[in-house]
C-alpha atoms as a PDB file:
ATOM      1  CA  MET A   1      17.806  -0.269  -1.934  1.00  0.00           C
ATOM      2  CA  ALA A   2      15.637   1.391  -4.502  1.00  0.00           C
ATOM      3  CA  THR A   3      14.550  -1.765  -6.278  1.00  0.00           C
ATOM      4  CA  LYS A   4      11.547  -1.793  -8.474  1.00  0.00           C
ATOM      5  CA  MET A   5       8.465  -2.956  -6.572  1.00  0.00           C
ATOM      6  CA  LYS A   6       5.798  -5.136  -8.319  1.00  0.00           C
ATOM      7  CA  ILE A   7       3.192  -3.809  -5.932  1.00  0.00           C
ATOM      8  CA  LYS A   8       1.175  -0.471  -6.610  1.00  0.00           C
ATOM      9  CA  GLN A   9      -0.786   1.760  -4.798  1.00  0.00           C
ATOM     10  CA  GLY A  10      -4.575   0.687  -4.647  1.00  0.00           C
ATOM     11  CA  ASP A  11      -3.702  -3.049  -4.680  1.00  0.00           C
ATOM     12  CA  LEU A  12      -5.150  -5.382  -2.284  1.00  0.00           C
ATOM     13  CA  VAL A  13      -2.439  -7.147  -0.357  1.00  0.00           C
ATOM     14  CA  GLN A  14      -2.190  -9.674   2.539  1.00  0.00           C
ATOM     15  CA  ILE A  15       0.363  -9.340   5.454  1.00  0.00           C
ATOM     16  CA  LEU A  16       2.656 -12.206   5.767  1.00  0.00           C
ATOM     17  CA  ALA A  17       4.465 -11.185   9.072  1.00  0.00           C
ATOM     18  CA  GLY A  18       3.939  -9.171  12.165  1.00  0.00           C
ATOM     19  CA  LYS A  19       1.198  -8.639  14.446  1.00  0.00           C
ATOM     20  CA  ASP A  20      -1.327  -8.214  11.533  1.00  0.00           C
ATOM     21  CA  ARG A  21      -0.364 -11.442   9.865  1.00  0.00           C
ATOM     22  CA  GLY A  22      -3.102 -13.026   7.535  1.00  0.00           C
ATOM     23  CA  LYS A  23      -5.063  -9.715   7.467  1.00  0.00           C
ATOM     24  CA  GLN A  24      -5.833  -8.096   3.903  1.00  0.00           C
ATOM     25  CA  GLY A  25      -5.925  -4.367   2.887  1.00  0.00           C
ATOM     26  CA  ARG A  26      -5.484  -1.776   0.243  1.00  0.00           C
ATOM     27  CA  ILE A  27      -2.100  -0.011  -0.268  1.00  0.00           C
ATOM     28  CA  ILE A  28      -2.626   3.776   0.595  1.00  0.00           C
ATOM     29  CA  GLU A  29       1.056   4.739  -0.359  1.00  0.00           C
ATOM     30  CA  ALA A  30       4.085   3.011  -1.903  1.00  0.00           C
ATOM     31  CA  ARG A  31       7.481   4.043  -1.213  1.00  0.00           C
ATOM     32  CA  PRO A  32       9.895   2.354  -3.480  1.00  0.00           C
ATOM     33  CA  ARG A  33      12.973   4.305  -2.300  1.00  0.00           C
ATOM     34  CA  ASN A  34      12.707   2.918   1.056  1.00  0.00           C
ATOM     35  CA  GLY A  35      11.098  -0.467   0.020  1.00  0.00           C
ATOM     36  CA  ARG A  36       7.997   0.058   2.283  1.00  0.00           C
ATOM     37  CA  VAL A  37       4.166   0.375   1.841  1.00  0.00           C
ATOM     38  CA  LEU A  38       1.341   1.692   3.877  1.00  0.00           C
ATOM     39  CA  VAL A  39      -1.546  -0.513   4.313  1.00  0.00           C
ATOM     40  CA  GLU A  40      -5.022   0.657   4.946  1.00  0.00           C
ATOM     41  CA  ASN A  41      -5.923   0.129   8.838  1.00  0.00           C
ATOM     42  CA  LEU A  42      -3.121  -2.293   9.243  1.00  0.00           C
ATOM     43  CA  ASN A  43       0.239  -1.984  11.323  1.00  0.00           C
ATOM     44  CA  VAL A  44      -1.575   0.912  13.177  1.00  0.00           C
ATOM     45  CA  VAL A  45       0.562   2.621  15.691  1.00  0.00           C
ATOM     46  CA  THR A  46      -0.409   5.132  18.421  1.00  0.00           C
ATOM     47  CA  ARG A  47       1.054   8.667  18.439  1.00  0.00           C
ATOM     48  CA  HIS A  48       0.744  10.955  21.383  1.00  0.00           C
ATOM     49  CA  THR A  49       0.572  14.467  20.055  1.00  0.00           C
ATOM     50  CA  ARG A  50       0.277  17.932  21.495  1.00  0.00           C
ATOM     51  CA  PRO A  51      -2.301  20.525  20.216  1.00  0.00           C
ATOM     52  CA  ARG A  52      -0.712  22.948  17.996  1.00  0.00           C
ATOM     53  CA  PRO A  53      -1.792  25.891  15.801  1.00  0.00           C
ATOM     54  CA  MET A  54      -2.532  25.043  12.076  1.00  0.00           C
ATOM     55  CA  ARG A  55      -0.290  26.640   9.599  1.00  0.00           C
ATOM     56  CA  ASP A  56      -2.744  27.808   6.999  1.00  0.00           C
ATOM     57  CA  SER A  57      -5.278  29.171   9.436  1.00  0.00           C
ATOM     58  CA  ASN A  58      -7.728  31.920   8.519  1.00  0.00           C
ATOM     59  CA  ARG A  59      -7.096  35.414   9.572  1.00  0.00           C
ATOM     60  CA  MET A  60     -10.568  35.825  10.512  1.00  0.00           C
ATOM     61  CA  GLY A  61     -11.541  34.686  14.092  1.00  0.00           C
ATOM     62  CA  GLY A  62      -9.166  32.767  16.431  1.00  0.00           C
ATOM     63  CA  THR A  63      -6.329  30.450  15.474  1.00  0.00           C
ATOM     64  CA  GLN A  64      -7.491  27.000  14.559  1.00  0.00           C
ATOM     65  CA  MET A  65      -5.895  24.014  16.508  1.00  0.00           C
ATOM     66  CA  THR A  66      -4.967  20.568  15.388  1.00  0.00           C
ATOM     67  CA  PRO A  67      -6.332  18.220  17.941  1.00  0.00           C
ATOM     68  CA  GLY A  68      -3.994  16.626  20.428  1.00  0.00           C
ATOM     69  CA  GLY A  69      -4.147  13.272  22.295  1.00  0.00           C
ATOM     70  CA  ARG A  70      -3.761   9.716  21.250  1.00  0.00           C
ATOM     71  CA  ILE A  71      -3.781   9.453  17.256  1.00  0.00           C
ATOM     72  CA  GLU A  72      -3.799   6.119  15.564  1.00  0.00           C
ATOM     73  CA  LYS A  73      -2.269   5.759  12.151  1.00  0.00           C
ATOM     74  CA  ALA A  74      -0.929   3.206   9.835  1.00  0.00           C
ATOM     75  CA  ALA A  75       2.835   2.830   9.980  1.00  0.00           C
ATOM     76  CA  PRO A  76       4.770   1.567   6.807  1.00  0.00           C
ATOM     77  CA  VAL A  77       5.482  -2.232   6.354  1.00  0.00           C
ATOM     78  CA  ASP A  78       8.475  -3.673   4.587  1.00  0.00           C
ATOM     79  CA  VAL A  79       7.394  -4.707   1.049  1.00  0.00           C
ATOM     80  CA  SER A  80       8.931  -8.336   1.747  1.00  0.00           C
ATOM     81  CA  ASN A  81       6.016  -8.697   4.240  1.00  0.00           C
ATOM     82  CA  VAL A  82       3.151  -8.255   2.145  1.00  0.00           C
ATOM     83  CA  MET A  83       1.957 -10.339  -0.956  1.00  0.00           C
ATOM     84  CA  LEU A  84      -0.394  -9.287  -3.608  1.00  0.00           C
ATOM     85  CA  VAL A  85      -4.040 -10.871  -3.650  1.00  0.00           C
ATOM     86  CA  CYS A  86      -4.905 -11.945  -7.078  1.00  0.00           C
ATOM     87  CA  PRO A  87      -8.242 -10.368  -8.299  1.00  0.00           C
ATOM     88  CA  VAL A  88      -9.261 -13.587 -10.221  1.00  0.00           C
ATOM     89  CA  CYS A  89      -8.482 -16.478  -7.856  1.00  0.00           C
ATOM     90  CA  ASN A  90      -8.576 -14.144  -4.444  1.00  0.00           C
ATOM     91  CA  ARG A  91      -5.488 -15.767  -3.065  1.00  0.00           C
ATOM     92  CA  PRO A  92      -2.218 -14.306  -2.114  1.00  0.00           C
ATOM     93  CA  THR A  93       0.303 -14.952  -5.036  1.00  0.00           C
ATOM     94  CA  ARG A  94       3.679 -14.112  -6.423  1.00  0.00           C
ATOM     95  CA  VAL A  95       3.730 -11.478  -9.167  1.00  0.00           C
ATOM     96  CA  GLY A  96       5.375 -11.876 -12.578  1.00  0.00           C
ATOM     97  CA  MET A  97       5.765  -9.818 -15.545  1.00  0.00           C
ATOM     98  CA  LYS A  98       4.785 -10.413 -19.071  1.00  0.00           C
ATOM     99  CA  GLU A  99       5.126  -8.533 -22.386  1.00  0.00           C
ATOM    100  CA  LYS A 100       1.838  -7.971 -24.443  1.00  0.00           C
ATOM    101  CA  GLU A 101       1.146  -6.147 -27.671  1.00  0.00           C
ATOM    102  CA  VAL A 102      -1.270  -3.202 -27.386  1.00  0.00           C
ATOM    103  CA  LYS A 103      -1.836  -1.011 -30.309  1.00  0.00           C
ATOM    104  CA  GLY A 104       1.339  -1.913 -31.891  1.00  0.00           C
ATOM    105  CA  GLU A 105       3.774  -1.424 -28.943  1.00  0.00           C
ATOM    106  CA  THR A 106       4.832  -3.892 -26.230  1.00  0.00           C
ATOM    107  CA  VAL A 107       3.573  -3.076 -22.643  1.00  0.00           C
ATOM    108  CA  ARG A 108       4.733  -4.915 -19.543  1.00  0.00           C
ATOM    109  CA  VAL A 109       1.891  -6.255 -17.648  1.00  0.00           C
ATOM    110  CA  ARG A 110       1.737  -7.900 -14.046  1.00  0.00           C
ATOM    111  CA  VAL A 111       0.569 -11.401 -13.987  1.00  0.00           C
ATOM    112  CA  CYS A 112      -0.534 -13.866 -11.205  1.00  0.00           C
ATOM    113  CA  LYS A 113       2.065 -16.717 -11.030  1.00  0.00           C
ATOM    114  CA  ARG A 114      -0.304 -19.310  -9.197  1.00  0.00           C
ATOM    115  CA  ASP A 115      -0.697 -22.524 -10.968  1.00  0.00           C
ATOM    116  CA  GLY A 116      -3.910 -22.791 -12.920  1.00  0.00           C
ATOM    117  CA  CYS A 117      -4.413 -18.846 -12.791  1.00  0.00           C
ATOM    118  CA  GLY A 118      -2.029 -16.880 -14.808  1.00  0.00           C
ATOM    119  CA  GLN A 119      -4.384 -14.026 -15.244  1.00  0.00           C
ATOM    120  CA  GLU A 120      -3.337 -10.315 -15.519  1.00  0.00           C
ATOM    121  CA  VAL A 121      -3.443  -8.445 -12.509  1.00  0.00           C
ATOM    122  CA  ASP A 122      -3.695  -4.981 -13.946  1.00  0.00           C
ATOM    123  CA  LYS A 123      -7.150  -4.140 -15.395  1.00  0.00           C
END
């Protein structure tokens, strides 16, 4: 399932399905091998953890502990459940690819597919 994703780290996306439907956030991490992305402050799950000593703790003084308790963190969302928000028209859009000449070589650029926009997504 390692298909090429048209969404990259740092993009602004909108959630299409699930408990956070309609909300927008930035992509923290993209996992193309799994077809999933981590969206900042969305799809938050609670993980109960036990306090444990840190691996790279200092020899001086006592051992440092990672805090325990209920820790909230973002869980991965399937890439089919997010849609890129166009930076020009500020609406969720499908992403197309377009070849462009830059300094004598062809470069593939992501493009907004919404009617009337068609602007480049990449800066």
